[in-house]
Protein backbone atom coordinates (compact mmCIF):
# COMPACT_ATOMS: atom_id res chain seq x y z
CA MET A 1 85.84 93.95 -76.42
CA ALA A 2 88.17 93.20 -74.17
CA TYR A 3 86.28 93.57 -70.22
CA GLU A 4 83.12 90.81 -72.80
CA ASP A 5 86.88 88.81 -72.57
CA GLY A 6 87.05 89.36 -69.10
CA LEU A 7 83.76 88.14 -67.82
CA ALA A 8 83.48 85.10 -70.08
CA LYS A 9 87.04 84.38 -68.31
CA LEU A 10 85.20 84.68 -65.78
CA GLU A 11 82.37 82.45 -66.53
CA SER A 12 84.43 80.04 -67.25
CA ARG A 13 86.51 80.21 -64.73
CA ALA A 14 83.86 79.53 -62.58
CA LYS A 15 82.13 76.89 -63.50
CA LEU A 16 85.16 75.16 -63.34
CA ALA A 17 86.37 76.46 -59.46
CA LYS A 18 82.55 74.77 -59.07
CA ALA A 19 82.84 71.75 -59.95
CA ALA A 20 86.14 71.50 -57.36
CA LEU A 21 84.69 73.05 -54.76
CA TRP A 22 81.64 70.07 -55.15
CA LEU A 23 83.79 67.38 -55.84
CA PHE A 24 86.04 68.51 -52.63
CA ALA A 25 82.82 68.73 -51.20
CA ALA A 26 82.46 64.57 -51.88
CA VAL A 27 85.47 64.23 -51.27
CA ALA A 28 85.41 65.97 -47.35
CA ALA A 29 81.82 63.75 -46.79
CA ALA A 30 83.87 60.51 -46.92
CA GLU A 31 86.90 61.60 -45.29
CA ALA A 32 84.58 62.75 -42.37
CA VAL A 33 82.58 59.45 -42.24
CA GLY A 34 86.55 58.33 -42.33
CA GLU A 35 87.53 60.51 -39.21
CA MET A 36 84.19 59.36 -37.01
CA LEU A 37 84.94 56.01 -37.65
CA GLU A 38 88.34 56.10 -36.51
CA ALA A 39 87.02 58.06 -33.44
CA MET A 40 84.13 55.33 -31.98
CA GLY A 41 86.96 52.91 -32.49
CA ALA A 42 86.01 50.64 -35.94
CA VAL A 43 88.77 51.25 -37.62
CA ASP A 44 92.22 52.44 -37.27
CA ILE A 45 94.30 53.20 -40.47
CA ALA A 46 98.23 53.35 -38.12
CA VAL A 47 97.13 49.46 -37.41
CA ASP A 48 94.57 47.81 -39.72
CA ASP A 49 94.82 46.68 -43.34
CA GLY A 50 91.43 45.50 -44.06
CA PRO A 51 89.14 47.09 -46.66
CA LEU A 52 87.17 49.73 -44.84
CA ALA A 53 90.80 51.17 -43.64
CA LEU A 54 91.71 51.27 -47.17
CA ALA A 55 88.57 52.66 -48.34
CA ILE A 56 89.36 55.47 -45.06
CA GLY A 57 93.31 55.65 -46.80
CA LEU A 58 92.68 56.91 -49.93
CA ALA A 59 89.20 59.13 -48.57
CA TYR A 60 92.32 61.02 -46.77
CA VAL A 61 94.26 61.00 -50.15
CA GLY A 62 91.84 61.81 -52.57
CA PHE A 63 90.71 64.93 -49.50
CA THR A 64 94.91 66.45 -50.47
CA LEU A 65 94.70 66.18 -53.46
CA ALA A 66 91.08 67.34 -54.12
CA PHE A 67 91.66 70.57 -51.73
CA PHE A 68 94.73 72.01 -54.47
CA GLY A 69 92.82 71.87 -56.89
CA SER A 70 89.98 73.44 -55.92
CA VAL A 71 92.64 76.66 -54.43
CA VAL A 72 94.37 76.36 -57.67
CA VAL A 73 91.31 76.31 -59.41
CA VAL A 74 88.98 79.17 -56.64
CA ALA A 75 92.51 81.58 -57.21
CA MET A 76 91.81 81.40 -60.63
CA TRP A 77 88.20 82.98 -60.35
CA ILE A 78 89.17 85.29 -57.18
CA HIS A 79 92.49 87.05 -59.41
CA ARG A 80 90.22 86.75 -62.59
CA GLY A 81 86.45 88.79 -60.23
CA HIS A 82 89.42 91.57 -59.60
CA ALA A 83 91.17 91.60 -62.87
CA ASN A 84 87.08 92.78 -64.08
CA LEU A 85 86.82 95.40 -60.94
CA HIS A 86 90.28 97.21 -62.12
CA GLU A 87 89.26 96.65 -66.05
CA ALA A 88 86.05 98.07 -66.00
CA GLY A 89 88.09 101.31 -64.57
CA VAL A 90 86.07 100.56 -60.73
CA ASP A 91 87.40 103.45 -57.82
CA GLY A 92 89.12 103.64 -54.26
CA LEU A 93 89.95 99.40 -54.71
CA GLU A 94 91.90 98.07 -51.64
CA PHE A 95 93.46 94.88 -53.43
CA THR A 96 94.14 94.28 -56.89
CA PRO A 97 94.41 90.77 -58.52
CA GLY A 98 97.90 89.39 -57.70
CA TRP A 99 97.36 90.52 -53.83
CA ALA A 100 93.82 89.24 -53.76
CA VAL A 101 94.76 85.48 -54.18
CA GLY A 102 98.83 86.12 -52.20
CA TRP A 103 96.97 86.81 -48.90
CA TYR A 104 95.43 83.78 -48.73
CA PHE A 105 99.28 82.15 -48.06
CA ILE A 106 100.10 84.71 -46.10
CA PRO A 107 100.13 83.59 -42.30
CA PHE A 108 98.17 85.58 -40.29
CA ALA A 109 97.38 88.02 -42.87
CA ASN A 110 95.44 85.30 -43.51
CA LEU A 111 93.11 85.29 -40.99
CA VAL A 112 91.49 88.28 -42.26
CA LYS A 113 93.42 89.74 -45.83
CA PRO A 114 91.35 87.32 -47.44
CA PHE A 115 87.67 87.82 -45.99
CA GLN A 116 88.21 92.05 -47.00
CA ALA A 117 89.71 90.72 -50.80
CA MET A 118 86.65 88.83 -50.74
CA ARG A 119 83.65 91.45 -49.41
CA GLU A 120 85.72 93.81 -51.23
CA LEU A 121 84.74 91.68 -54.86
CA TRP A 122 80.97 90.81 -53.50
CA ALA A 123 80.37 94.50 -52.71
CA ALA A 124 82.25 96.45 -55.72
CA SER A 125 80.49 93.63 -58.01
CA HIS A 126 76.72 93.74 -56.45
CA ALA A 127 77.60 98.13 -57.47
CA GLU A 128 76.84 98.51 -53.11
CA ASP A 129 78.28 101.49 -52.01
CA ASP A 130 79.69 100.80 -48.42
CA ARG A 131 82.05 98.10 -49.28
CA PHE A 132 82.69 96.94 -45.96
CA GLY A 133 79.56 96.79 -44.46
CA GLY A 134 75.60 95.98 -45.02
CA GLU A 135 73.34 92.53 -44.84
CA THR A 136 74.30 91.76 -48.47
CA ALA A 137 77.65 90.56 -47.32
CA SER A 138 76.17 88.41 -44.04
CA GLU A 139 76.74 85.91 -47.56
CA VAL A 140 80.97 86.50 -47.63
CA LYS A 141 80.53 86.51 -43.45
CA TRP A 142 79.48 82.89 -43.29
CA TRP A 143 81.88 81.83 -45.41
CA TRP A 144 84.63 83.05 -43.66
CA GLY A 145 83.18 81.41 -40.82
CA ALA A 146 83.64 78.12 -41.34
CA TRP A 147 86.10 77.90 -43.23
CA ILE A 148 88.41 79.65 -40.28
CA SER A 149 86.04 77.84 -37.34
CA GLY A 150 87.55 74.35 -38.95
CA ASN A 151 90.11 75.30 -39.59
CA ILE A 152 91.08 75.60 -36.55
CA LEU A 153 89.37 72.46 -34.94
CA SER A 154 91.24 71.40 -37.69
CA GLY A 155 94.03 72.34 -36.07
CA ILE A 156 93.75 71.54 -32.10
CA GLY A 157 92.40 67.79 -33.66
CA THR A 158 95.40 67.19 -34.86
CA ARG A 159 97.60 68.95 -31.97
CA ILE A 160 95.68 66.20 -29.61
CA LEU A 161 96.49 63.47 -31.97
CA LEU A 162 100.11 64.38 -31.70
CA ILE A 163 99.94 64.99 -28.26
CA GLY A 164 97.99 61.30 -26.83
CA GLU A 165 100.38 59.03 -28.77
CA GLY A 166 97.62 55.98 -30.30
CA ALA A 167 96.06 56.89 -26.63
CA PRO A 168 92.28 55.54 -27.05
CA GLU A 169 90.80 58.64 -25.54
CA THR A 170 93.19 61.42 -27.06
CA THR A 171 92.28 59.33 -30.57
CA ALA A 172 88.90 59.62 -30.32
CA ILE A 173 88.36 63.20 -28.87
CA GLY A 174 91.79 64.11 -31.95
CA ASN A 175 89.53 62.34 -34.50
CA THR A 176 85.27 63.69 -33.11
CA LEU A 177 86.99 67.30 -33.97
CA GLY A 178 88.65 66.46 -37.37
CA ALA A 179 85.01 65.14 -38.12
CA VAL A 180 83.40 68.57 -37.13
CA SER A 181 86.39 70.58 -38.78
CA THR A 182 85.55 68.61 -42.12
CA ALA A 183 81.93 69.71 -41.66
CA LEU A 184 82.65 73.08 -41.15
CA ILE A 185 84.98 72.96 -44.31
CA ILE A 186 82.28 71.37 -46.50
CA LEU A 187 80.14 73.76 -45.27
CA ALA A 188 82.59 76.59 -46.20
CA ALA A 189 83.03 75.12 -50.04
CA VAL A 190 79.50 74.97 -50.54
CA LEU A 191 79.17 78.50 -49.78
CA LEU A 192 82.00 79.82 -51.38
CA ALA A 193 80.70 77.95 -54.95
CA ARG A 194 77.74 80.15 -53.89
CA LEU A 195 79.24 83.35 -53.67
CA ILE A 196 81.43 82.27 -56.66
CA GLY A 197 77.84 81.55 -59.01
CA ALA A 198 76.58 85.19 -57.76
CA ILE A 199 79.37 87.56 -57.95
CA THR A 200 79.43 85.96 -61.18
CA ALA A 201 76.24 87.18 -62.08
CA ALA A 202 76.12 90.25 -60.24
CA GLN A 203 79.54 90.98 -63.05
CA ARG A 204 77.72 89.75 -66.08
CA SER A 205 74.68 91.45 -65.14
CA GLY A 206 76.16 95.00 -64.89
CA GLY A 207 76.89 96.04 -61.48
CA ILE A 208 80.29 96.81 -62.15
CA ALA A 209 78.82 98.96 -64.79
CA ALA A 210 75.97 100.54 -62.40
CA THR A 211 79.82 101.33 -59.82
CA VAL A 212 81.84 103.19 -62.62
CA PHE A 213 78.67 105.11 -64.01
CA ALA A 214 77.09 105.98 -61.78
């Protein structure tokens, strides 16, 4: 009964997480449009006060709020997914539910550990013997590649904007990189929503049980 309760919680949290990720993707798309408009010189929210500048500013604020909201619900889903593995008695797990979430907030380690934890969650949920390889982990690799690439480009773009101090050339480059990074982060959000659905379905269909009783 406890395991069934865990599956019910996972499914409930999956619905919330996917909804939050799709909302975030929509708001992020609006931000990407704003970044491209700034890159082309059509608007400058630092000095303009018209309706377009206001709309872009609201999109930037919405991006931040939607991002942190999705972080909370996705973290809840990740914790529950790993907890189900432990409660089902899956052997050889490297990550606890707490650290599967906690590694996202540890500098440098968060470049690798969250990927490994998601790979373990995917593989164990799908009853795969090789938890650190195989073509079935490609979904996780694409998600993580988009996420890391987006964040790296975002950091570079922000750095260029700060160094340029408002110069038109550097503003265009910085905002263009920002738009590209936002597009990659949108891709990562969509891929994560698909991962959440696939892993949740695998746990419900008995993938964990196959691992334990094989």
